[in-house]
Amino acid sequence: MVLKDLGKHQENLRKDLGTVLKDLGERLGNILETSGNDLEMVLKTLGNSLGKAIVDAVL
């Protein structure tokens, strides 16, 4: 009986750990996607600013 209960407990821990790791992976994916979008916006802004500075310097 004790071994059976221990086996169920281990199975529940594995399921809980699997859920935690899945959630962590999804959150990390969302963070990386958001960071990528933010970086893209920053690079576009810098590119536009640099382009404007070059045009202004030439004129």
N, C-alpha and C. Protein backbone atom coordinates (compact mmCIF):
# COMPACT_ATOMS: atom_id res chain seq x y z
N MET A 1 0.83 -1.20 0.00
CA MET A 1 0.00 0.00 0.00
C MET A 1 0.87 1.25 0.00
N VAL A 2 1.92 1.25 0.81
CA VAL A 2 2.80 2.41 0.89
C VAL A 2 3.50 2.63 -0.44
N LEU A 3 3.97 1.55 -1.07
CA LEU A 3 4.66 1.67 -2.36
C LEU A 3 3.70 2.17 -3.44
N LYS A 4 2.47 1.71 -3.39
CA LYS A 4 1.47 2.16 -4.36
C LYS A 4 1.21 3.66 -4.20
N ASP A 5 1.06 4.10 -2.95
CA ASP A 5 0.86 5.53 -2.68
C ASP A 5 2.07 6.35 -3.12
N LEU A 6 3.26 5.81 -2.88
CA LEU A 6 4.49 6.50 -3.29
C LEU A 6 4.55 6.62 -4.81
N GLY A 7 4.16 5.56 -5.49
CA GLY A 7 4.14 5.58 -6.95
C GLY A 7 3.18 6.63 -7.48
N LYS A 8 2.00 6.74 -6.88
CA LYS A 8 1.03 7.76 -7.29
C LYS A 8 1.58 9.16 -7.02
N HIS A 9 2.24 9.31 -5.89
CA HIS A 9 2.81 10.60 -5.52
C HIS A 9 3.88 11.01 -6.53
N GLN A 10 4.73 10.06 -6.92
CA GLN A 10 5.78 10.36 -7.90
C GLN A 10 5.16 10.72 -9.25
N GLU A 11 4.11 10.02 -9.62
CA GLU A 11 3.43 10.31 -10.89
C GLU A 11 2.84 11.72 -10.87
N ASN A 12 2.23 12.08 -9.75
CA ASN A 12 1.66 13.43 -9.63
C ASN A 12 2.74 14.50 -9.69
N LEU A 13 3.89 14.23 -9.05
CA LEU A 13 5.00 15.18 -9.10
C LEU A 13 5.50 15.36 -10.53
N ARG A 14 5.59 14.25 -11.27
CA ARG A 14 6.04 14.33 -12.66
C ARG A 14 5.06 15.16 -13.48
N LYS A 15 3.77 14.95 -13.28
CA LYS A 15 2.76 15.72 -14.01
C LYS A 15 2.86 17.20 -13.64
N ASP A 16 3.02 17.48 -12.36
CA ASP A 16 3.14 18.87 -11.91
C ASP A 16 4.38 19.53 -12.50
N LEU A 17 5.49 18.82 -12.50
CA LEU A 17 6.73 19.35 -13.06
C LEU A 17 6.58 19.58 -14.56
N GLY A 18 5.92 18.65 -15.23
CA GLY A 18 5.68 18.82 -16.67
C GLY A 18 4.85 20.05 -16.95
N THR A 19 3.84 20.29 -16.14
CA THR A 19 3.00 21.47 -16.31
C THR A 19 3.79 22.74 -16.06
N VAL A 20 4.59 22.74 -15.01
CA VAL A 20 5.42 23.91 -14.69
C VAL A 20 6.39 24.21 -15.83
N LEU A 21 7.05 23.18 -16.34
CA LEU A 21 8.01 23.37 -17.43
C LEU A 21 7.33 23.85 -18.70
N LYS A 22 6.15 23.32 -18.98
CA LYS A 22 5.40 23.76 -20.17
C LYS A 22 5.03 25.23 -20.03
N ASP A 23 4.50 25.62 -18.88
CA ASP A 23 4.12 27.02 -18.64
C ASP A 23 5.34 27.93 -18.73
N LEU A 24 6.45 27.49 -18.15
CA LEU A 24 7.68 28.28 -18.19
C LEU A 24 8.16 28.47 -19.63
N GLY A 25 8.09 27.41 -20.41
CA GLY A 25 8.48 27.49 -21.81
C GLY A 25 7.61 28.47 -22.59
N GLU A 26 6.30 28.43 -22.33
CA GLU A 26 5.39 29.35 -23.02
C GLU A 26 5.67 30.79 -22.61
N ARG A 27 5.90 31.01 -21.34
CA ARG A 27 6.19 32.38 -20.87
C ARG A 27 7.49 32.89 -21.46
N LEU A 28 8.50 32.04 -21.49
CA LEU A 28 9.79 32.43 -22.06
C LEU A 28 9.63 32.75 -23.55
N GLY A 29 8.85 31.94 -24.24
CA GLY A 29 8.58 32.20 -25.65
C GLY A 29 7.91 33.54 -25.86
N ASN A 30 6.94 33.85 -25.01
CA ASN A 30 6.24 35.14 -25.11
C ASN A 30 7.19 36.30 -24.83
N ILE A 31 8.05 36.14 -23.84
CA ILE A 31 9.02 37.20 -23.50
C ILE A 31 9.96 37.43 -24.67
N LEU A 32 10.46 36.35 -25.27
CA LEU A 32 11.39 36.49 -26.39
C LEU A 32 10.71 37.12 -27.60
N GLU A 33 9.45 36.75 -27.83
CA GLU A 33 8.71 37.34 -28.95
C GLU A 33 8.51 38.84 -28.73
N THR A 34 8.13 39.22 -27.52
CA THR A 34 7.93 40.63 -27.20
C THR A 34 9.24 41.39 -27.31
N SER A 35 10.32 40.81 -26.80
CA SER A 35 11.63 41.45 -26.88
C SER A 35 12.04 41.64 -28.34
N GLY A 36 11.78 40.64 -29.16
CA GLY A 36 12.11 40.73 -30.58
C GLY A 36 11.34 41.84 -31.26
N ASN A 37 10.05 41.95 -30.92
CA ASN A 37 9.23 43.01 -31.50
C ASN A 37 9.73 44.38 -31.06
N ASP A 38 10.08 44.50 -29.79
CA ASP A 38 10.61 45.77 -29.27
C ASP A 38 11.92 46.12 -29.95
N LEU A 39 12.78 45.14 -30.13
CA LEU A 39 14.07 45.38 -30.78
C LEU A 39 13.86 45.80 -32.24
N GLU A 40 12.91 45.16 -32.90
CA GLU A 40 12.62 45.53 -34.29
C GLU A 40 12.18 46.98 -34.38
N MET A 41 11.32 47.41 -33.45
CA MET A 41 10.85 48.79 -33.46
C MET A 41 12.00 49.76 -33.20
N VAL A 42 12.87 49.43 -32.27
CA VAL A 42 14.03 50.28 -31.97
C VAL A 42 14.94 50.39 -33.19
N LEU A 43 15.20 49.26 -33.84
CA LEU A 43 16.08 49.28 -35.01
C LEU A 43 15.46 50.07 -36.16
N LYS A 44 14.15 49.96 -36.35
CA LYS A 44 13.48 50.74 -37.39
C LYS A 44 13.60 52.23 -37.09
N THR A 45 13.38 52.59 -35.84
CA THR A 45 13.48 54.00 -35.44
C THR A 45 14.89 54.51 -35.65
N LEU A 46 15.87 53.72 -35.24
CA LEU A 46 17.27 54.13 -35.43
C LEU A 46 17.60 54.25 -36.91
N GLY A 47 17.11 53.31 -37.70
CA GLY A 47 17.35 53.35 -39.15
C GLY A 47 16.74 54.58 -39.78
N ASN A 48 15.51 54.90 -39.38
CA ASN A 48 14.84 56.09 -39.91
C ASN A 48 15.58 57.35 -39.50
N SER A 49 16.01 57.39 -38.25
CA SER A 49 16.75 58.56 -37.75
C SER A 49 18.08 58.71 -38.48
N LEU A 50 18.76 57.60 -38.70
CA LEU A 50 20.04 57.63 -39.41
C LEU A 50 19.83 58.08 -40.85
N GLY A 51 18.79 57.53 -41.48
CA GLY A 51 18.48 57.93 -42.85
C GLY A 51 18.18 59.41 -42.95
N LYS A 52 17.42 59.93 -42.02
CA LYS A 52 17.08 61.36 -42.00
C LYS A 52 18.34 62.19 -41.78
N ALA A 53 19.20 61.74 -40.89
CA ALA A 53 20.44 62.48 -40.61
C ALA A 53 21.33 62.54 -41.85
N ILE A 54 21.38 61.43 -42.59
CA ILE A 54 22.19 61.41 -43.82
C ILE A 54 21.61 62.37 -44.86
N VAL A 55 20.30 62.31 -45.04
CA VAL A 55 19.64 63.21 -46.00
C VAL A 55 19.86 64.66 -45.59
N ASP A 56 19.69 64.95 -44.31
CA ASP A 56 19.89 66.33 -43.83
C ASP A 56 21.33 66.78 -44.04
N ALA A 57 22.28 65.87 -43.85
CA ALA A 57 23.69 66.22 -44.02
C ALA A 57 24.02 66.49 -45.49
N VAL A 58 23.41 65.72 -46.38
CA VAL A 58 23.67 65.89 -47.81
C VAL A 58 23.04 67.19 -48.32
N LEU A 59 21.86 67.50 -47.81
CA LEU A 59 21.19 68.72 -48.25
C LEU A 59 21.85 69.91 -47.61
